[in-house]
C-alpha atoms as a PDB file:
ATOM      1  CA  MET A   1     198.062  51.597-104.912  1.00  0.00           C
ATOM      2  CA  LEU A   2     194.248  51.587-106.388  1.00  0.00           C
ATOM      3  CA  ILE A   3     193.650  50.706-109.692  1.00  0.00           C
ATOM      4  CA  HIS A   4     190.225  50.743-111.285  1.00  0.00           C
ATOM      5  CA  THR A   5     189.216  48.973-114.481  1.00  0.00           C
ATOM      6  CA  PRO A   6     187.938  50.447-117.492  1.00  0.00           C
ATOM      7  CA  GLU A   7     185.091  47.948-118.022  1.00  0.00           C
ATOM      8  CA  GLY A   8     181.615  48.346-117.159  1.00  0.00           C
ATOM      9  CA  SER A   9     178.115  48.259-118.377  1.00  0.00           C
ATOM     10  CA  VAL A  10     177.044  50.282-121.419  1.00  0.00           C
ATOM     11  CA  GLY A  11     174.486  52.882-121.037  1.00  0.00           C
ATOM     12  CA  GLU A  12     171.501  53.543-122.900  1.00  0.00           C
ATOM     13  CA  MET A  13     171.571  54.694-126.408  1.00  0.00           C
ATOM     14  CA  PRO A  14     170.824  58.592-126.691  1.00  0.00           C
ATOM     15  CA  ALA A  15     167.514  59.942-127.897  1.00  0.00           C
ATOM     16  CA  VAL A  16     166.955  59.514-131.669  1.00  0.00           C
ATOM     17  CA  GLY A  17     165.956  63.068-133.361  1.00  0.00           C
ATOM     18  CA  ALA A  18     163.145  63.654-135.704  1.00  0.00           C
ATOM     19  CA  ALA A  19     162.733  61.674-138.826  1.00  0.00           C
ATOM     20  CA  SER A  20     164.484  63.286-142.117  1.00  0.00           C
ATOM     21  CA  ILE A  21     162.277  64.683-144.793  1.00  0.00           C
ATOM     22  CA  PRO A  22     162.837  62.913-148.079  1.00  0.00           C
ATOM     23  CA  VAL A  23     162.044  65.936-150.294  1.00  0.00           C
ATOM     24  CA  LEU A  24     162.420  69.576-149.398  1.00  0.00           C
ATOM     25  CA  ALA A  25     160.735  70.600-152.876  1.00  0.00           C
ATOM     26  CA  GLY A  26     157.480  72.729-151.962  1.00  0.00           C
ATOM     27  CA  LYS A  27     157.996  72.853-148.027  1.00  0.00           C
ATOM     28  CA  LYS A  28     158.370  75.838-145.968  1.00  0.00           C
ATOM     29  CA  ILE A  29     161.619  76.315-144.260  1.00  0.00           C
ATOM     30  CA  GLY A  30     161.663  78.070-140.742  1.00  0.00           C
ATOM     31  CA  LEU A  31     164.546  79.728-139.374  1.00  0.00           C
ATOM     32  CA  LEU A  32     164.765  80.547-135.651  1.00  0.00           C
ATOM     33  CA  ASP A  33     167.458  82.901-134.895  1.00  0.00           C
ATOM     34  CA  ASN A  34     168.470  82.792-131.276  1.00  0.00           C
ATOM     35  CA  ARG A  35     169.813  86.312-131.406  1.00  0.00           C
ATOM     36  CA  LYS A  36     174.116  85.114-130.939  1.00  0.00           C
ATOM     37  CA  PRO A  37     176.164  86.984-132.875  1.00  0.00           C
ATOM     38  CA  ASN A  38     176.783  85.347-136.196  1.00  0.00           C
ATOM     39  CA  ALA A  39     173.757  82.970-135.917  1.00  0.00           C
ATOM     40  CA  ASP A  40     171.685  84.852-138.381  1.00  0.00           C
ATOM     41  CA  VAL A  41     174.565  85.029-140.724  1.00  0.00           C
ATOM     42  CA  VAL A  42     174.822  80.786-140.525  1.00  0.00           C
ATOM     43  CA  LEU A  43     171.372  80.569-140.646  1.00  0.00           C
ATOM     44  CA  GLU A  44     170.926  82.481-143.551  1.00  0.00           C
ATOM     45  CA  HIS A  45     173.105  81.052-145.961  1.00  0.00           C
ATOM     46  CA  ILE A  46     172.182  77.757-145.003  1.00  0.00           C
ATOM     47  CA  ALA A  47     168.556  78.809-145.812  1.00  0.00           C
ATOM     48  CA  GLU A  48     169.565  80.726-149.126  1.00  0.00           C
ATOM     49  CA  ARG A  49     171.233  77.230-150.243  1.00  0.00           C
ATOM     50  CA  LEU A  50     168.378  74.920-149.823  1.00  0.00           C
ATOM     51  CA  ALA A  51     166.046  77.706-151.492  1.00  0.00           C
ATOM     52  CA  ALA A  52     168.370  77.713-154.513  1.00  0.00           C
ATOM     53  CA  ARG A  53     168.630  73.960-154.682  1.00  0.00           C
ATOM     54  CA  THR A  54     165.035  72.954-153.831  1.00  0.00           C
ATOM     55  CA  GLY A  55     162.700  75.915-154.567  1.00  0.00           C
ATOM     56  CA  THR A  56     161.411  75.978-150.712  1.00  0.00           C
ATOM     57  CA  GLU A  57     160.121  78.668-149.187  1.00  0.00           C
ATOM     58  CA  VAL A  58     161.707  80.495-145.907  1.00  0.00           C
ATOM     59  CA  VAL A  59     160.354  81.707-143.099  1.00  0.00           C
ATOM     60  CA  ARG A  60     162.229  83.992-140.781  1.00  0.00           C
ATOM     61  CA  ARG A  61     161.606  84.416-136.638  1.00  0.00           C
ATOM     62  CA  ASP A  62     163.888  85.712-134.088  1.00  0.00           C
ATOM     63  CA  ASN A  63     164.027  84.959-130.416  1.00  0.00           C
ATOM     64  CA  LYS A  64     164.122  88.300-128.384  1.00  0.00           C
ATOM     65  CA  ASN A  65     167.572  87.442-126.377  1.00  0.00           C
ATOM     66  CA  ALA A  66     170.010  84.499-126.666  1.00  0.00           C
ATOM     67  CA  ALA A  67     170.048  84.294-122.687  1.00  0.00           C
ATOM     68  CA  ILE A  68     166.365  83.660-122.444  1.00  0.00           C
ATOM     69  CA  PRO A  69     164.109  80.637-124.042  1.00  0.00           C
ATOM     70  CA  CYS A  70     162.118  81.496-126.769  1.00  0.00           C
ATOM     71  CA  GLU A  71     158.548  82.227-126.074  1.00  0.00           C
ATOM     72  CA  ASP A  72     156.096  79.619-126.643  1.00  0.00           C
ATOM     73  CA  GLN A  73     153.760  81.888-128.978  1.00  0.00           C
ATOM     74  CA  VAL A  74     156.851  81.988-131.573  1.00  0.00           C
ATOM     75  CA  LEU A  75     157.641  78.399-131.309  1.00  0.00           C
ATOM     76  CA  GLU A  76     153.841  77.345-131.793  1.00  0.00           C
ATOM     77  CA  GLY A  77     153.363  80.018-134.667  1.00  0.00           C
ATOM     78  CA  ILE A  78     156.587  78.901-136.445  1.00  0.00           C
ATOM     79  CA  ALA A  79     155.395  75.258-135.961  1.00  0.00           C
ATOM     80  CA  LYS A  80     151.974  76.192-137.682  1.00  0.00           C
ATOM     81  CA  GLU A  81     153.838  77.937-140.600  1.00  0.00           C
ATOM     82  CA  VAL A  82     156.260  75.457-141.584  1.00  0.00           C
ATOM     83  CA  GLU A  83     157.120  71.811-142.045  1.00  0.00           C
ATOM     84  CA  ILE A  84     160.923  72.175-140.835  1.00  0.00           C
ATOM     85  CA  VAL A  85     162.760  74.397-138.750  1.00  0.00           C
ATOM     86  CA  LEU A  86     166.536  75.451-138.833  1.00  0.00           C
ATOM     87  CA  THR A  87     167.816  76.795-135.431  1.00  0.00           C
ATOM     88  CA  GLY A  88     171.431  77.044-134.402  1.00  0.00           C
ATOM     89  CA  THR A  89     173.991  78.858-132.131  1.00  0.00           C
ATOM     90  CA  ALA A  90     176.873  81.227-133.292  1.00  0.00           C
ATOM     91  CA  ASP A  91     179.649  83.153-131.982  1.00  0.00           C
END
């Protein structure tokens, strides 16, 4: 019988995300809907609550199809319009 020890080296820390914006008031929030079922429902709910709490403006963009990556021109356009982008997936 061969017994393996669970001891080993520790891997590298995962990449960190973007820094949080301390105040959302007056910012534009972008919604990037990937067109999966119910993604629009989730994103719209989050955006409505953020807008009500902080007075943010919401800009919405859709990907054409959940099965393909978003087009560069859509990503570049929304990046120029807003300070924060929310995207998600749902089913």
